[in-house]
Amino acid sequence: MRVPPSPVPVLLLCAACGQSTVAAPSFDGERAFRDLEHLVSKVGPRRIGTPESAATRTYIRAQLEPLGWQFEEDAFVATPPAGASRSGDIPGVNLLARRPGTEPGAIWIASHYDTYDMPGFVGANDAGSSTALLIELGRQLAGTEPRPGLGITLVWLDGEERFLPLPWDDKTNSTFGSRHLAERLKASGDIKQLEAFILLDMVGDKDLNLLRESQSSGWLKEVFERAAYSLGHKQLFGNAMEIKDDHMPFLRAGVPCIDLIDFSYGPGNKYWHTKDDTLDKVSAGSLGIVGTLVLAALPEVERLAKAR
């Protein structure tokens, strides 16, 4: 993702002031962390178009396909711009898992699973944490029967990262998978079935602090801030900042979106996109907080999405 240079500090605004905390939904942060350990230690760097990328998809499917999720592989081609260290057409694959609902429409929960295009970069936080968290959400939200209400689609996006040494450009050198998928859905008309798009990115930092991403849809930000407050995490959302990430193609297509991201990773964000992005910098506790937050917010997201 790309960010402007200067975050704008804001106060957390919560419509639930005075609301007591509530019992947290069940989310197994320790199990999600074991998935993360597998991705980092057993699979390793997971750059687009590599055998490790394919191994990641195989692992995800092995965890969730037996639970009833209906999988689809959405293939595309990412072409690095001239001057990149990699050249030619590089195959990418978005992985989608669907649980249909009893009502038309679906909520999508997404993460990119490719790692920064740097040899040896294992990406414990970026994007291992969100990839693993989405796997555990899949366990929690699984079912062999249609889900009451809206369907759920889990999406592991490929090709979010830029090709080095060229700068980030969200039209030519990043978000290859999300741009492809949004365009495909627009062309087919299926984009109208997306009621909300929840993006997870860099959610495992031991010192967890989520941004109030400024381009995200206002009503979704309010839902998640209220949910955090009700769970007792009154300071979970901090500064406001604009983040260009995989939600942007869907926002441009008119889909309500939120980007749940912690963009303060280490002192001065110094672990981001470096080989210091390792397992010792992330925690099961942070995965548990964000996973629980998503589960807690989901009923209100669905209620408001259907009312729009």
Protein backbone atom coordinates (compact mmCIF):
# COMPACT_ATOMS: atom_id res chain seq x y z
CA MET A 1 0.00 0.00 0.00
CA ARG A 2 1.03 3.65 -0.39
CA VAL A 3 0.51 6.42 2.14
CA PRO A 4 0.86 10.20 2.19
CA PRO A 5 3.74 11.46 4.34
CA SER A 6 1.85 13.08 7.22
CA PRO A 7 -0.83 11.43 9.37
CA VAL A 8 -3.48 13.69 10.86
CA PRO A 9 -4.13 13.06 14.57
CA VAL A 10 -7.77 12.80 15.53
CA LEU A 11 -9.75 11.84 18.59
CA LEU A 12 -11.72 8.60 18.63
CA LEU A 13 -15.35 9.46 18.09
CA CYS A 14 -17.70 6.80 19.43
CA ALA A 15 -21.46 6.91 19.35
CA ALA A 16 -21.51 4.29 22.09
CA CYS A 17 -20.11 6.53 24.82
CA GLY A 18 -21.45 5.23 28.10
CA GLN A 19 -22.09 1.79 26.63
CA SER A 20 -20.84 -1.07 28.77
CA THR A 21 -18.53 -3.70 27.40
CA VAL A 22 -20.05 -6.86 25.96
CA ALA A 23 -19.06 -10.49 25.84
CA ALA A 24 -16.62 -11.06 22.99
CA PRO A 25 -17.42 -13.47 20.16
CA SER A 26 -15.29 -16.59 19.98
CA PHE A 27 -12.09 -16.15 17.96
CA ASP A 28 -9.01 -18.31 18.40
CA GLY A 29 -6.00 -16.00 18.08
CA GLU A 30 -3.60 -18.78 19.09
CA ARG A 31 -4.78 -21.00 16.25
CA ALA A 32 -4.52 -18.09 13.81
CA PHE A 33 -0.96 -17.56 15.02
CA ARG A 34 -0.15 -21.21 14.27
CA ASP A 35 -1.38 -20.63 10.72
CA LEU A 36 0.90 -17.59 10.57
CA GLU A 37 3.84 -19.63 11.84
CA HIS A 38 3.24 -22.15 9.06
CA LEU A 39 3.16 -19.45 6.39
CA VAL A 40 6.33 -17.77 7.62
CA SER A 41 8.42 -20.75 8.74
CA LYS A 42 7.25 -23.55 6.45
CA VAL A 43 6.28 -21.70 3.26
CA GLY A 44 8.52 -18.64 3.50
CA PRO A 45 8.45 -15.67 1.08
CA ARG A 46 5.19 -15.75 -0.88
CA ARG A 47 5.82 -13.47 -3.86
CA ILE A 48 3.34 -13.43 -6.72
CA GLY A 49 3.92 -16.08 -9.37
CA THR A 50 6.13 -18.34 -7.23
CA PRO A 51 5.74 -21.93 -6.00
CA GLU A 52 5.39 -20.53 -2.47
CA SER A 53 2.37 -18.52 -3.60
CA ALA A 54 0.76 -21.72 -4.88
CA ALA A 55 1.68 -23.49 -1.61
CA THR A 56 -0.14 -20.76 0.32
CA ARG A 57 -3.32 -21.32 -1.67
CA THR A 58 -3.04 -25.07 -1.14
CA TYR A 59 -2.71 -24.56 2.61
CA ILE A 60 -5.71 -22.22 2.79
CA ARG A 61 -7.90 -24.64 0.88
CA ALA A 62 -6.79 -27.57 3.03
CA GLN A 63 -7.89 -25.71 6.17
CA LEU A 64 -11.28 -24.52 4.95
CA GLU A 65 -12.57 -26.63 2.06
CA PRO A 66 -13.55 -29.53 4.38
CA LEU A 67 -15.69 -27.06 6.37
CA GLY A 68 -17.99 -26.33 3.45
CA TRP A 69 -16.46 -23.26 1.81
CA GLN A 70 -16.87 -23.19 -1.98
CA PHE A 71 -13.54 -22.14 -3.52
CA GLU A 72 -12.76 -20.38 -6.78
CA GLU A 73 -9.36 -19.44 -8.19
CA ASP A 74 -9.48 -16.19 -10.16
CA ALA A 75 -6.42 -16.13 -12.44
CA PHE A 76 -4.96 -12.96 -13.91
CA VAL A 77 -1.70 -11.66 -15.34
CA ALA A 78 0.44 -9.00 -13.68
CA THR A 79 2.88 -7.28 -16.02
CA PRO A 80 5.67 -5.38 -14.26
CA PRO A 81 6.31 -1.94 -15.76
CA ALA A 82 9.51 -1.35 -17.71
CA GLY A 83 12.44 -0.97 -15.35
CA ALA A 84 11.21 -3.44 -12.72
CA SER A 85 13.54 -6.17 -11.48
CA ARG A 86 11.06 -8.81 -12.71
CA SER A 87 9.80 -8.79 -16.29
CA GLY A 88 7.28 -10.47 -18.52
CA ASP A 89 3.79 -11.64 -17.71
CA ILE A 90 3.60 -13.00 -14.17
CA PRO A 91 0.65 -15.25 -13.28
CA GLY A 92 -1.38 -14.18 -10.28
CA VAL A 93 -4.32 -15.88 -8.57
CA ASN A 94 -6.99 -14.42 -6.32
CA LEU A 95 -8.48 -17.08 -4.07
CA LEU A 96 -12.18 -16.75 -3.15
CA ALA A 97 -14.15 -18.87 -0.67
CA ARG A 98 -17.92 -18.50 -0.61
CA ARG A 99 -20.63 -19.44 1.82
CA PRO A 100 -23.94 -18.49 0.20
CA GLY A 101 -26.67 -16.86 2.24
CA THR A 102 -30.42 -17.25 2.33
CA GLU A 103 -30.74 -13.67 1.01
CA PRO A 104 -29.21 -12.12 -2.12
CA GLY A 105 -25.95 -10.23 -1.75
CA ALA A 106 -22.76 -10.86 0.20
CA ILE A 107 -20.27 -9.27 2.56
CA TRP A 108 -16.68 -9.71 1.46
CA ILE A 109 -13.78 -9.98 3.92
CA ALA A 110 -10.40 -9.72 2.22
CA SER A 111 -6.62 -9.74 2.66
CA HIS A 112 -3.73 -9.79 0.24
CA TYR A 113 -1.52 -12.85 0.64
CA ASP A 114 1.47 -11.94 -1.56
CA THR A 115 4.61 -10.70 0.16
CA TYR A 116 6.72 -7.67 -0.74
CA ASP A 117 8.77 -8.36 -3.86
CA MET A 118 12.06 -8.60 -2.00
CA PRO A 119 13.97 -11.91 -1.86
CA GLY A 120 14.05 -13.22 1.70
CA PHE A 121 11.14 -11.09 2.92
CA VAL A 122 8.89 -13.41 4.96
CA GLY A 123 6.15 -10.87 5.76
CA ALA A 124 4.97 -11.97 9.20
CA ASN A 125 2.78 -8.89 9.52
CA ASP A 126 2.53 -7.87 5.85
CA ALA A 127 0.68 -9.93 4.68
CA GLY A 128 1.01 -13.03 6.84
CA SER A 129 -1.05 -11.70 9.73
CA SER A 130 -4.13 -10.84 7.71
CA THR A 131 -3.86 -14.02 5.63
CA ALA A 132 -3.84 -16.15 8.77
CA LEU A 133 -6.57 -14.12 10.45
CA LEU A 134 -8.80 -14.66 7.42
CA ILE A 135 -8.21 -18.42 7.64
CA GLU A 136 -9.39 -18.44 11.25
CA LEU A 137 -12.39 -16.28 10.38
CA GLY A 138 -13.18 -18.96 7.82
CA ARG A 139 -13.28 -21.56 10.57
CA GLN A 140 -15.56 -19.39 12.69
CA LEU A 141 -17.95 -18.49 9.86
CA ALA A 142 -18.07 -21.91 8.16
CA GLY A 143 -21.16 -23.99 7.57
CA THR A 144 -22.38 -26.60 5.14
CA GLU A 145 -25.83 -25.00 4.90
CA PRO A 146 -26.63 -21.54 3.51
CA ARG A 147 -25.89 -18.82 6.04
CA PRO A 148 -28.99 -17.06 7.42
CA GLY A 149 -29.01 -13.61 5.79
CA LEU A 150 -26.31 -12.36 3.44
CA GLY A 151 -23.62 -14.62 2.09
CA ILE A 152 -19.97 -14.33 3.13
CA THR A 153 -17.08 -14.36 0.69
CA LEU A 154 -13.51 -14.58 1.94
CA VAL A 155 -10.95 -13.23 -0.52
CA TRP A 156 -7.18 -13.71 -0.53
CA LEU A 157 -5.92 -11.17 -3.08
CA ASP A 158 -2.68 -11.59 -5.00
CA GLY A 159 -0.38 -8.93 -6.42
CA GLU A 160 -0.99 -6.10 -3.97
CA GLU A 161 2.69 -5.30 -3.65
CA ARG A 162 4.68 -3.22 -6.14
CA PHE A 163 7.52 -4.52 -8.28
CA LEU A 164 10.86 -3.11 -7.18
CA PRO A 165 12.64 -0.79 -7.61
CA LEU A 166 9.79 1.19 -9.16
CA PRO A 167 7.51 3.34 -6.99
CA TRP A 168 3.99 2.40 -5.98
CA ASP A 169 1.35 3.25 -8.57
CA ASP A 170 -2.17 1.98 -8.02
CA LYS A 171 -2.87 1.96 -11.75
CA THR A 172 0.31 0.33 -13.09
CA ASN A 173 2.48 -1.07 -10.27
CA SER A 174 0.41 -2.48 -7.39
CA THR A 175 -3.05 -3.88 -6.52
CA PHE A 176 -2.96 -6.08 -9.62
CA GLY A 177 -5.33 -8.68 -8.20
CA SER A 178 -7.89 -6.34 -6.67
CA ARG A 179 -8.00 -4.18 -9.82
CA HIS A 180 -8.53 -7.26 -11.97
CA LEU A 181 -11.26 -8.65 -9.73
CA ALA A 182 -13.16 -5.36 -9.41
CA GLU A 183 -13.09 -4.87 -13.18
CA ARG A 184 -14.28 -8.42 -13.76
CA LEU A 185 -17.21 -7.94 -11.38
CA LYS A 186 -18.11 -4.60 -12.94
CA ALA A 187 -18.14 -6.14 -16.41
CA SER A 188 -20.42 -8.99 -15.32
CA GLY A 189 -22.67 -6.81 -13.17
CA ASP A 190 -21.92 -8.94 -10.10
CA ILE A 191 -20.37 -5.93 -8.33
CA LYS A 192 -23.96 -5.02 -7.38
CA GLN A 193 -24.06 -8.09 -5.14
CA LEU A 194 -21.29 -6.73 -2.87
CA GLU A 195 -22.96 -5.11 0.13
CA ALA A 196 -19.73 -4.31 2.01
CA PHE A 197 -16.00 -4.95 1.61
CA ILE A 198 -13.86 -5.37 4.75
CA LEU A 199 -10.11 -5.32 4.08
CA LEU A 200 -7.55 -6.59 6.61
CA ASP A 201 -3.90 -5.57 6.31
CA MET A 202 -1.01 -5.55 8.81
CA VAL A 203 -3.14 -6.61 11.77
CA GLY A 204 -0.64 -8.62 13.83
CA ASP A 205 1.64 -5.95 15.32
CA LYS A 206 2.27 -6.60 19.03
CA ASP A 207 1.71 -2.87 19.63
CA LEU A 208 -1.65 -2.80 17.88
CA ASN A 209 -3.21 0.50 16.84
CA LEU A 210 -5.61 0.62 13.91
CA LEU A 211 -5.93 3.67 11.70
CA ARG A 212 -9.12 5.51 10.94
CA GLU A 213 -8.45 5.14 7.22
CA SER A 214 -9.78 8.35 5.75
CA GLN A 215 -11.12 7.01 2.45
CA SER A 216 -13.09 4.17 4.04
CA SER A 217 -16.88 4.47 4.10
CA GLY A 218 -18.08 6.53 7.06
CA TRP A 219 -20.82 4.21 8.23
CA LEU A 220 -18.45 1.24 8.29
CA LYS A 221 -15.89 3.17 10.31
CA GLU A 222 -18.60 4.05 12.83
CA VAL A 223 -19.71 0.41 13.10
CA PHE A 224 -16.19 -0.83 13.79
CA GLU A 225 -15.39 1.93 16.26
CA ARG A 226 -18.59 1.20 18.19
CA ALA A 227 -17.73 -2.51 18.20
CA ALA A 228 -14.21 -1.81 19.49
CA TYR A 229 -15.63 0.39 22.25
CA SER A 230 -18.18 -2.25 23.25
CA LEU A 231 -15.41 -4.86 23.50
CA GLY A 232 -13.40 -2.63 25.83
CA HIS A 233 -10.81 -1.50 23.26
CA LYS A 234 -11.53 2.20 23.58
CA GLN A 235 -8.16 3.28 22.17
CA LEU A 236 -7.89 0.72 19.37
CA PHE A 237 -8.52 3.27 16.60
CA GLY A 238 -6.10 6.18 16.59
CA ASN A 239 -4.86 8.57 13.90
CA ALA A 240 -6.58 9.28 10.61
CA MET A 241 -4.56 8.64 7.47
CA GLU A 242 -5.24 8.05 3.79
CA ILE A 243 -4.12 4.60 2.69
CA LYS A 244 -4.16 3.41 -0.91
CA ASP A 245 -4.75 -0.30 -0.64
CA ASP A 246 -6.75 -3.16 -2.12
CA HIS A 247 -10.06 -1.55 -1.13
CA MET A 248 -9.59 1.30 -3.61
CA PRO A 249 -10.78 -0.49 -6.79
CA PHE A 250 -13.94 -1.52 -4.95
CA LEU A 251 -14.50 1.96 -3.51
CA ARG A 252 -14.22 3.40 -7.01
CA ALA A 253 -16.83 0.88 -8.13
CA GLY A 254 -19.27 2.15 -5.51
CA VAL A 255 -18.89 -0.64 -2.92
CA PRO A 256 -18.87 0.46 0.76
CA CYS A 257 -15.39 -0.39 2.06
CA ILE A 258 -13.25 -0.24 5.17
CA ASP A 259 -9.50 -0.84 5.47
CA LEU A 260 -8.56 -2.19 8.90
CA ILE A 261 -4.82 -1.53 9.03
CA ASP A 262 -2.11 -0.72 11.56
CA PHE A 263 0.45 1.44 9.79
CA SER A 264 2.75 2.06 12.73
CA TYR A 265 4.90 -1.05 12.69
CA GLY A 266 7.89 -0.58 14.94
CA PRO A 267 9.51 2.76 15.90
CA GLY A 268 8.95 5.11 12.99
CA ASN A 269 7.31 2.23 11.08
CA LYS A 270 10.81 0.85 10.53
CA TYR A 271 9.79 -2.84 10.30
CA TRP A 272 7.52 -2.22 7.30
CA HIS A 273 8.86 -3.67 4.03
CA THR A 274 12.11 -4.78 5.63
CA LYS A 275 13.49 -8.17 6.59
CA ASP A 276 12.69 -7.26 10.21
CA ASP A 277 9.03 -8.14 9.52
CA THR A 278 9.38 -11.40 11.43
CA LEU A 279 7.32 -13.52 13.83
CA ASP A 280 8.80 -11.98 16.96
CA LYS A 281 7.18 -8.62 16.06
CA VAL A 282 3.61 -9.98 15.95
CA SER A 283 1.35 -11.72 18.45
CA ALA A 284 -1.61 -14.04 18.82
CA GLY A 285 -3.15 -11.44 21.08
CA SER A 286 -3.32 -8.84 18.33
CA LEU A 287 -4.75 -11.37 15.89
CA GLY A 288 -7.35 -12.22 18.51
CA ILE A 289 -8.34 -8.58 19.01
CA VAL A 290 -8.87 -7.89 15.31
CA GLY A 291 -10.58 -11.22 14.63
CA THR A 292 -12.95 -10.68 17.52
CA LEU A 293 -13.61 -7.14 16.33
CA VAL A 294 -14.64 -8.36 12.87
CA LEU A 295 -16.98 -10.98 14.33
CA ALA A 296 -18.49 -8.45 16.73
CA ALA A 297 -19.08 -5.86 14.00
CA LEU A 298 -20.42 -8.27 11.38
CA PRO A 299 -24.10 -8.37 12.52
CA GLU A 300 -24.36 -4.56 12.46
CA VAL A 301 -22.53 -4.36 9.13
CA GLU A 302 -25.06 -6.79 7.72
CA ARG A 303 -28.05 -4.99 9.22
CA LEU A 304 -27.02 -1.59 7.89
CA ALA A 305 -25.92 -2.96 4.51
CA LYS A 306 -29.35 -4.52 3.96
CA ALA A 307 -31.05 -1.27 5.02
CA ARG A 308 -29.16 0.87 2.50
